[in-house]
Amino acid sequence: MMRRLSILAFLFLAIVAVQAGPQLVCVERVFDFGVRDNTETPRHSFVIQNKGDEELQILGVRSSCGCAVAEIANPKIPPDGRELLNASIDLTGRIGPQNKTIIVISNDPKSPFIRLYLKGTARRIINFDPEYLTFGQLADNDNRERTVAVTLQGDGNLKLRGFKDDL
């Protein structure tokens, strides 16, 4: 009987010891911003939680690209507390699928870091088809024509007021 109690007490203490310390948790790890114009900067707030029994310290936040930025106002999160990690991705000049990673580094002894993701698609507001034109070598009085289709995404009007070559 005494031996069983000793084993149960040991198991209880082992479980309590395993659960001690801060615990970094973020339930929503992916923010899909959908299809956005490449002039926008989508923003999102990830909820960072401490499910442990000691203070969680956010030691650093890093992103996979300079276009993605993430900040946390208070890097010290008490037990059962939460803080918002505000993230954004600058889509300026970007085209097509985007998938950027944010790494949150903490003092959690079991899982010291987590990865968060910003993903979606950046589209141009104005599209040209073809994107580039080549006329080759032209003599002074040589005339060549090329056609370009210009389309505007979304609502709005497009006015072309002129054309300028770089020659």
Foldseek 3Di string as FASTA:
>chain_A
DVVVVVVVVVVVVVVVVVQADWDWDWPAQEDEPAEEALQDKDKDKTKIFTQGQAKKFFPDKDKPDPQKDWDWPDRIAHHRGITIIMMIGRSHPPFFKDKMWMKTAIPGPPDRIDIGIYIYGYHHQKDKVVPDDDDDDDDPPDDDDDDIDIDGPDDDDDDDDDDDDPD
